[in-house]
PDB file of N, CA and C in Angstrom:
ATOM      1  N   MET A   1       0.818  -1.190   0.000  1.00  0.00           N
ATOM      2  CA  MET A   1       0.000   0.000   0.000  1.00  0.00           C
ATOM      3  C   MET A   1       0.865   1.258   0.000  1.00  0.00           C
ATOM      4  N   LYS A   2       1.983   1.218   0.728  1.00  0.00           N
ATOM      5  CA  LYS A   2       2.837   2.396   0.779  1.00  0.00           C
ATOM      6  C   LYS A   2       3.504   2.644  -0.570  1.00  0.00           C
ATOM      7  N   LYS A   3       3.890   1.563  -1.258  1.00  0.00           N
ATOM      8  CA  LYS A   3       4.531   1.702  -2.562  1.00  0.00           C
ATOM      9  C   LYS A   3       3.561   2.358  -3.543  1.00  0.00           C
ATOM     10  N   ARG A   4       2.311   1.973  -3.467  1.00  0.00           N
ATOM     11  CA  ARG A   4       1.291   2.543  -4.339  1.00  0.00           C
ATOM     12  C   ARG A   4       1.081   4.024  -4.028  1.00  0.00           C
ATOM     13  N   ASN A   5       1.075   4.405  -2.788  1.00  0.00           N
ATOM     14  CA  ASN A   5       0.933   5.815  -2.399  1.00  0.00           C
ATOM     15  C   ASN A   5       2.112   6.644  -2.901  1.00  0.00           C
ATOM     16  N   VAL A   6       3.301   6.069  -2.845  1.00  0.00           N
ATOM     17  CA  VAL A   6       4.501   6.781  -3.311  1.00  0.00           C
ATOM     18  C   VAL A   6       4.414   7.004  -4.819  1.00  0.00           C
ATOM     19  N   ILE A   7       3.972   5.998  -5.557  1.00  0.00           N
ATOM     20  CA  ILE A   7       3.839   6.125  -7.016  1.00  0.00           C
ATOM     21  C   ILE A   7       2.797   7.181  -7.364  1.00  0.00           C
ATOM     22  N   VAL A   8       1.661   7.154  -6.686  1.00  0.00           N
ATOM     23  CA  VAL A   8       0.607   8.139  -6.931  1.00  0.00           C
ATOM     24  C   VAL A   8       1.101   9.538  -6.592  1.00  0.00           C
ATOM     25  N   LEU A   9       1.806   9.678  -5.484  1.00  0.00           N
ATOM     26  CA  LEU A   9       2.360  10.968  -5.078  1.00  0.00           C
ATOM     27  C   LEU A   9       3.359  11.469  -6.115  1.00  0.00           C
ATOM     28  N   MET A  10       4.194  10.571  -6.643  1.00  0.00           N
ATOM     29  CA  MET A  10       5.164  10.963  -7.667  1.00  0.00           C
ATOM     30  C   MET A  10       4.462  11.410  -8.947  1.00  0.00           C
ATOM     31  N   LEU A  11       3.425  10.677  -9.337  1.00  0.00           N
ATOM     32  CA  LEU A  11       2.683  11.065 -10.545  1.00  0.00           C
ATOM     33  C   LEU A  11       2.046  12.439 -10.381  1.00  0.00           C
ATOM     34  N   PHE A  12       1.407  12.668  -9.245  1.00  0.00           N
ATOM     35  CA  PHE A  12       0.812  13.984  -9.006  1.00  0.00           C
ATOM     36  C   PHE A  12       1.872  15.077  -8.949  1.00  0.00           C
ATOM     37  N   SER A  13       3.027  14.768  -8.381  1.00  0.00           N
ATOM     38  CA  SER A  13       4.118  15.747  -8.332  1.00  0.00           C
ATOM     39  C   SER A  13       4.605  16.090  -9.733  1.00  0.00           C
ATOM     40  N   ILE A  14       4.761  15.055 -10.563  1.00  0.00           N
ATOM     41  CA  ILE A  14       5.205  15.285 -11.937  1.00  0.00           C
ATOM     42  C   ILE A  14       4.174  16.106 -12.704  1.00  0.00           C
ATOM     43  N   LEU A  15       2.905  15.771 -12.547  1.00  0.00           N
ATOM     44  CA  LEU A  15       1.854  16.538 -13.217  1.00  0.00           C
ATOM     45  C   LEU A  15       1.814  17.982 -12.733  1.00  0.00           C
ATOM     46  N   PHE A  16       2.004  18.191 -11.446  1.00  0.00           N
ATOM     47  CA  PHE A  16       1.991  19.543 -10.882  1.00  0.00           C
ATOM     48  C   PHE A  16       3.152  20.371 -11.426  1.00  0.00           C
ATOM     49  N   VAL A  17       4.348  19.801 -11.393  1.00  0.00           N
ATOM     50  CA  VAL A  17       5.530  20.522 -11.901  1.00  0.00           C
ATOM     51  C   VAL A  17       5.390  20.759 -13.407  1.00  0.00           C
ATOM     52  N   GLY A  18       4.880  19.756 -14.118  1.00  0.00           N
ATOM     53  CA  GLY A  18       4.675  19.915 -15.558  1.00  0.00           C
ATOM     54  C   GLY A  18       3.682  21.019 -15.878  1.00  0.00           C
ATOM     55  N   SER A  19       2.612  21.106 -15.104  1.00  0.00           N
ATOM     56  CA  SER A  19       1.621  22.161 -15.352  1.00  0.00           C
ATOM     57  C   SER A  19       2.211  23.539 -15.073  1.00  0.00           C
ATOM     58  N   ILE A  20       3.061  23.645 -14.072  1.00  0.00           N
ATOM     59  CA  ILE A  20       3.718  24.926 -13.786  1.00  0.00           C
ATOM     60  C   ILE A  20       4.629  25.311 -14.953  1.00  0.00           C
ATOM     61  N   CYS A  21       5.388  24.339 -15.463  1.00  0.00           N
ATOM     62  CA  CYS A  21       6.278  24.616 -16.606  1.00  0.00           C
ATOM     63  C   CYS A  21       5.474  25.060 -17.825  1.00  0.00           C
ATOM     64  N   LEU A  22       4.384  24.374 -18.107  1.00  0.00           N
ATOM     65  CA  LEU A  22       3.549  24.748 -19.246  1.00  0.00           C
ATOM     66  C   LEU A  22       2.933  26.132 -19.063  1.00  0.00           C
ATOM     67  N   TYR A  23       2.558  26.457 -17.837  1.00  0.00           N
ATOM     68  CA  TYR A  23       1.992  27.780 -17.565  1.00  0.00           C
ATOM     69  C   TYR A  23       2.994  28.872 -17.912  1.00  0.00           C
ATOM     70  N   PHE A  24       4.247  28.718 -17.454  1.00  0.00           N
ATOM     71  CA  PHE A  24       5.259  29.734 -17.738  1.00  0.00           C
ATOM     72  C   PHE A  24       5.612  29.772 -19.215  1.00  0.00           C
ATOM     73  N   PHE A  25       5.638  28.620 -19.870  1.00  0.00           N
ATOM     74  CA  PHE A  25       5.916  28.575 -21.304  1.00  0.00           C
ATOM     75  C   PHE A  25       4.832  29.321 -22.070  1.00  0.00           C
ATOM     76  N   ASN A  26       3.564  29.054 -21.736  1.00  0.00           N
ATOM     77  CA  ASN A  26       2.465  29.741 -22.409  1.00  0.00           C
ATOM     78  C   ASN A  26       2.433  31.225 -22.081  1.00  0.00           C
ATOM     79  N   SER A  27       2.801  31.591 -20.869  1.00  0.00           N
ATOM     80  CA  SER A  27       2.837  33.010 -20.499  1.00  0.00           C
ATOM     81  C   SER A  27       3.862  33.752 -21.348  1.00  0.00           C
ATOM     82  N   ASN A  28       5.015  33.134 -21.570  1.00  0.00           N
ATOM     83  CA  ASN A  28       6.039  33.771 -22.407  1.00  0.00           C
ATOM     84  C   ASN A  28       5.563  33.909 -23.843  1.00  0.00           C
ATOM     85  N   LYS A  29       4.878  32.880 -24.357  1.00  0.00           N
ATOM     86  CA  LYS A  29       4.362  32.958 -25.718  1.00  0.00           C
ATOM     87  C   LYS A  29       3.309  34.049 -25.834  1.00  0.00           C
ATOM     88  N   ILE A  30       2.439  34.160 -24.837  1.00  0.00           N
ATOM     89  CA  ILE A  30       1.401  35.193 -24.854  1.00  0.00           C
ATOM     90  C   ILE A  30       2.038  36.580 -24.820  1.00  0.00           C
ATOM     91  N   GLU A  31       3.058  36.754 -24.001  1.00  0.00           N
ATOM     92  CA  GLU A  31       3.745  38.046 -23.915  1.00  0.00           C
ATOM     93  C   GLU A  31       4.425  38.390 -25.239  1.00  0.00           C
ATOM     94  N   ASP A  32       5.043  37.396 -25.879  1.00  0.00           N
ATOM     95  CA  ASP A  32       5.660  37.624 -27.193  1.00  0.00           C
ATOM     96  C   ASP A  32       4.604  38.038 -28.213  1.00  0.00           C
ATOM     97  N   ASN A  33       3.457  37.364 -28.177  1.00  0.00           N
ATOM     98  CA  ASN A  33       2.388  37.709 -29.118  1.00  0.00           C
ATOM     99  C   ASN A  33       1.849  39.109 -28.858  1.00  0.00           C
ATOM    100  N   ARG A  34       1.767  39.497 -27.599  1.00  0.00           N
ATOM    101  CA  ARG A  34       1.310  40.856 -27.280  1.00  0.00           C
ATOM    102  C   ARG A  34       2.276  41.892 -27.816  1.00  0.00           C
ATOM    103  N   SER A  35       3.570  41.652 -27.639  1.00  0.00           N
ATOM    104  CA  SER A  35       4.548  42.625 -28.130  1.00  0.00           C
ATOM    105  C   SER A  35       4.528  42.688 -29.655  1.00  0.00           C
ATOM    106  N   LYS A  36       4.342  41.541 -30.314  1.00  0.00           N
ATOM    107  CA  LYS A  36       4.238  41.544 -31.777  1.00  0.00           C
ATOM    108  C   LYS A  36       2.987  42.290 -32.216  1.00  0.00           C
ATOM    109  N   THR A  37       1.881  42.084 -31.500  1.00  0.00           N
ATOM    110  CA  THR A  37       0.635  42.767 -31.835  1.00  0.00           C
ATOM    111  C   THR A  37       0.792  44.277 -31.668  1.00  0.00           C
ATOM    112  N   ASP A  38       1.421  44.701 -30.586  1.00  0.00           N
ATOM    113  CA  ASP A  38       1.643  46.134 -30.370  1.00  0.00           C
ATOM    114  C   ASP A  38       2.523  46.715 -31.468  1.00  0.00           C
ATOM    115  N   SER A  39       3.548  45.976 -31.861  1.00  0.00           N
ATOM    116  CA  SER A  39       4.434  46.429 -32.933  1.00  0.00           C
ATOM    117  C   SER A  39       3.669  46.561 -34.244  1.00  0.00           C
ATOM    118  N   LEU A  40       2.822  45.583 -34.533  1.00  0.00           N
ATOM    119  CA  LEU A  40       2.029  45.640 -35.768  1.00  0.00           C
ATOM    120  C   LEU A  40       1.014  46.772 -35.732  1.00  0.00           C
ATOM    121  N   LYS A  41       0.464  47.066 -34.545  1.00  0.00           N
ATOM    122  CA  LYS A  41      -0.469  48.192 -34.427  1.00  0.00           C
ATOM    123  C   LYS A  41       0.239  49.508 -34.736  1.00  0.00           C
ATOM    124  N   LEU A  42       1.452  49.670 -34.203  1.00  0.00           N
ATOM    125  CA  LEU A  42       2.215  50.885 -34.489  1.00  0.00           C
ATOM    126  C   LEU A  42       2.535  50.994 -35.974  1.00  0.00           C
ATOM    127  N   GLN A  43       2.907  49.884 -36.571  1.00  0.00           N
ATOM    128  CA  GLN A  43       3.212  49.877 -37.997  1.00  0.00           C
ATOM    129  C   GLN A  43       1.968  50.220 -38.814  1.00  0.00           C
ATOM    130  N   LEU A  44       0.814  49.695 -38.414  1.00  0.00           N
ATOM    131  CA  LEU A  44      -0.430  49.994 -39.106  1.00  0.00           C
ATOM    132  C   LEU A  44      -0.763  51.479 -39.020  1.00  0.00           C
ATOM    133  N   GLU A  45      -0.606  52.057 -37.842  1.00  0.00           N
ATOM    134  CA  GLU A  45      -0.882  53.491 -37.682  1.00  0.00           C
ATOM    135  C   GLU A  45       0.056  54.316 -38.563  1.00  0.00           C
ATOM    136  N   SER A  46       1.311  53.918 -38.622  1.00  0.00           N
ATOM    137  CA  SER A  46       2.273  54.612 -39.472  1.00  0.00           C
ATOM    138  C   SER A  46       1.866  54.516 -40.937  1.00  0.00           C
ATOM    139  N   LEU A  47       1.441  53.338 -41.361  1.00  0.00           N
ATOM    140  CA  LEU A  47       1.018  53.156 -42.745  1.00  0.00           C
ATOM    141  C   LEU A  47      -0.255  53.946 -43.063  1.00  0.00           C
ATOM    142  N   LYS A  48      -1.145  54.057 -42.084  1.00  0.00           N
ATOM    143  CA  LYS A  48      -2.355  54.855 -42.288  1.00  0.00           C
ATOM    144  C   LYS A  48      -1.989  56.323 -42.499  1.00  0.00           C
ATOM    145  N   ALA A  49      -1.070  56.815 -41.675  1.00  0.00           N
ATOM    146  CA  ALA A  49      -0.638  58.211 -41.808  1.00  0.00           C
ATOM    147  C   ALA A  49       0.037  58.428 -43.167  1.00  0.00           C
ATOM    148  N   GLU A  50       0.873  57.498 -43.564  1.00  0.00           N
ATOM    149  CA  GLU A  50       1.553  57.603 -44.860  1.00  0.00           C
ATOM    150  C   GLU A  50       0.534  57.563 -45.998  1.00  0.00           C
ATOM    151  N   ASN A  51      -0.485  56.719 -45.851  1.00  0.00           N
ATOM    152  CA  ASN A  51      -1.534  56.634 -46.859  1.00  0.00           C
ATOM    153  C   ASN A  51      -2.274  57.963 -46.993  1.00  0.00           C
ATOM    154  N   GLN A  52      -2.588  58.587 -45.864  1.00  0.00           N
ATOM    155  CA  GLN A  52      -3.265  59.884 -45.901  1.00  0.00           C
ATOM    156  C   GLN A  52      -2.414  60.929 -46.616  1.00  0.00           C
ATOM    157  N   THR A  53      -1.114  60.917 -46.330  1.00  0.00           N
ATOM    158  CA  THR A  53      -0.206  61.856 -46.992  1.00  0.00           C
ATOM    159  C   THR A  53      -0.188  61.617 -48.490  1.00  0.00           C
ATOM    160  N   LEU A  54      -0.132  60.348 -48.886  1.00  0.00           N
ATOM    161  CA  LEU A  54      -0.120  60.026 -50.312  1.00  0.00           C
ATOM    162  C   LEU A  54      -1.432  60.400 -50.992  1.00  0.00           C
ATOM    163  N   ILE A  55      -2.545  60.257 -50.286  1.00  0.00           N
ATOM    164  CA  ILE A  55      -3.841  60.655 -50.848  1.00  0.00           C
ATOM    165  C   ILE A  55      -3.863  62.165 -51.098  1.00  0.00           C
ATOM    166  N   LYS A  56      -3.363  62.944 -50.129  1.00  0.00           N
ATOM    167  CA  LYS A  56      -3.317  64.405 -50.296  1.00  0.00           C
ATOM    168  C   LYS A  56      -2.409  64.787 -51.456  1.00  0.00           C
ATOM    169  N   THR A  57      -1.247  64.149 -51.540  1.00  0.00           N
ATOM    170  CA  THR A  57      -0.310  64.438 -52.627  1.00  0.00           C
ATOM    171  C   THR A  57      -0.927  64.087 -53.971  1.00  0.00           C
ATOM    172  N   ASN A  58      -1.601  62.945 -54.034  1.00  0.00           N
ATOM    173  CA  ASN A  58      -2.257  62.531 -55.264  1.00  0.00           C
ATOM    174  C   ASN A  58      -3.331  63.532 -55.672  1.00  0.00           C
ATOM    175  N   SER A  59      -4.088  63.996 -54.705  1.00  0.00           N
ATOM    176  CA  SER A  59      -5.132  64.977 -54.981  1.00  0.00           C
ATOM    177  C   SER A  59      -4.524  66.265 -55.550  1.00  0.00           C
ATOM    178  N   GLN A  60      -3.427  66.714 -54.947  1.00  0.00           N
ATOM    179  CA  GLN A  60      -2.757  67.922 -55.445  1.00  0.00           C
ATOM    180  C   GLN A  60      -2.228  67.717 -56.857  1.00  0.00           C
ATOM    181  N   LEU A  61      -1.690  66.537 -57.128  1.00  0.00           N
ATOM    182  CA  LEU A  61      -1.178  66.257 -58.467  1.00  0.00           C
ATOM    183  C   LEU A  61      -2.313  66.215 -59.496  1.00  0.00           C
ATOM    184  N   ILE A  62      -3.455  65.696 -59.106  1.00  0.00           N
ATOM    185  CA  ILE A  62      -4.609  65.671 -60.015  1.00  0.00           C
ATOM    186  C   ILE A  62      -5.056  67.095 -60.332  1.00  0.00           C
ATOM    187  N   LYS A  63      -5.095  67.958 -59.306  1.00  0.00           N
ATOM    188  CA  LYS A  63      -5.474  69.357 -59.528  1.00  0.00           C
ATOM    189  C   LYS A  63      -4.474  70.043 -60.451  1.00  0.00           C
ATOM    190  N   THR A  64      -3.199  69.801 -60.207  1.00  0.00           N
ATOM    191  CA  THR A  64      -2.161  70.405 -61.052  1.00  0.00           C
ATOM    192  C   THR A  64      -2.285  69.913 -62.485  1.00  0.00           C
ATOM    193  N   ASN A  65      -2.531  68.631 -62.648  1.00  0.00           N
ATOM    194  CA  ASN A  65      -2.684  68.055 -63.981  1.00  0.00           C
ATOM    195  C   ASN A  65      -3.883  68.660 -64.702  1.00  0.00           C
ATOM    196  N   SER A  66      -4.981  68.839 -63.974  1.00  0.00           N
ATOM    197  CA  SER A  66      -6.171  69.451 -64.574  1.00  0.00           C
ATOM    198  C   SER A  66      -5.886  70.879 -65.004  1.00  0.00           C
ATOM    199  N   SER A  67      -5.190  71.598 -64.148  1.00  0.00           N
ATOM    200  CA  SER A  67      -4.854  72.988 -64.462  1.00  0.00           C
ATOM    201  C   SER A  67      -3.970  73.068 -65.701  1.00  0.00           C
ATOM    202  N   ILE A  68      -2.982  72.204 -65.769  1.00  0.00           N
ATOM    203  CA  ILE A  68      -2.083  72.199 -66.923  1.00  0.00           C
ATOM    204  C   ILE A  68      -2.842  71.802 -68.183  1.00  0.00           C
ATOM    205  N   SER A  69      -3.735  70.838 -68.073  1.00  0.00           N
ATOM    206  CA  SER A  69      -4.538  70.412 -69.230  1.00  0.00           C
ATOM    207  C   SER A  69      -5.391  71.555 -69.743  1.00  0.00           C
ATOM    208  N   GLU A  70      -5.982  72.316 -68.825  1.00  0.00           N
ATOM    209  CA  GLU A  70      -6.794  73.469 -69.233  1.00  0.00           C
ATOM    210  C   GLU A  70      -5.939  74.493 -69.967  1.00  0.00           C
ATOM    211  N   LYS A  71      -4.757  74.758 -69.435  1.00  0.00           N
ATOM    212  CA  LYS A  71      -3.865  75.737 -70.074  1.00  0.00           C
ATOM    213  C   LYS A  71      -3.428  75.260 -71.455  1.00  0.00           C
ATOM    214  N   VAL A  72      -3.137  73.977 -71.570  1.00  0.00           N
ATOM    215  CA  VAL A  72      -2.731  73.424 -72.864  1.00  0.00           C
ATOM    216  C   VAL A  72      -3.878  73.530 -73.864  1.00  0.00           C
ATOM    217  N   ASN A  73      -5.089  73.205 -73.419  1.00  0.00           N
ATOM    218  CA  ASN A  73      -6.245  73.297 -74.301  1.00  0.00           C
ATOM    219  C   ASN A  73      -6.481  74.751 -74.747  1.00  0.00           C
ATOM    220  N   LYS A  74      -6.283  75.719 -73.859  1.00  0.00           N
ATOM    221  CA  LYS A  74      -6.445  77.139 -74.214  1.00  0.00           C
ATOM    222  C   LYS A  74      -5.400  77.532 -75.251  1.00  0.00           C
ATOM    223  N   LEU A  75      -4.158  77.058 -75.031  1.00  0.00           N
ATOM    224  CA  LEU A  75      -3.098  77.379 -76.002  1.00  0.00           C
ATOM    225  C   LEU A  75      -3.382  76.740 -77.352  1.00  0.00           C
ATOM    226  N   LYS A  76      -3.943  75.550 -77.364  1.00  0.00           N
ATOM    227  CA  LYS A  76      -4.284  74.894 -78.629  1.00  0.00           C
ATOM    228  C   LYS A  76      -5.370  75.701 -79.361  1.00  0.00           C
ATOM    229  N   ASN A  77      -6.343  76.192 -78.594  1.00  0.00           N
ATOM    230  CA  ASN A  77      -7.407  76.989 -79.210  1.00  0.00           C
ATOM    231  C   ASN A  77      -6.884  78.288 -79.734  1.00  0.00           C
ATOM    232  N   VAL A  78      -5.954  78.917 -79.030  1.00  0.00           N
ATOM    233  CA  VAL A  78      -5.371  80.179 -79.469  1.00  0.00           C
ATOM    234  C   VAL A  78      -4.550  79.955 -80.743  1.00  0.00           C
ATOM    235  N   LYS A  79      -3.834  78.860 -80.781  1.00  0.00           N
ATOM    236  CA  LYS A  79      -2.966  78.537 -81.914  1.00  0.00           C
ATOM    237  C   LYS A  79      -3.801  78.272 -83.152  1.00  0.00           C
ATOM    238  N   ASN A  80      -4.954  77.620 -82.987  1.00  0.00           N
ATOM    239  CA  ASN A  80      -5.788  77.287 -84.145  1.00  0.00           C
ATOM    240  C   ASN A  80      -6.533  78.527 -84.530  1.00  0.00           C
TER     241      ASN A  80
END
């Protein structure tokens, strides 16, 4: 009976220590994922800001192109 109690105690001890190890392993993985997520959020915000800048620049270029096209068309009419 004592041998059986020792075996059961050892099994529970191994399971307990194993669960503690798995807990810390998973905690480290979760922390790594959080830091990666935060990094990706910052990168996304940066890309959004860059996108807004590019949209404004594109809009200005379209206006400039329209203005130049109008001037070219006026010069063509004057020439003809």
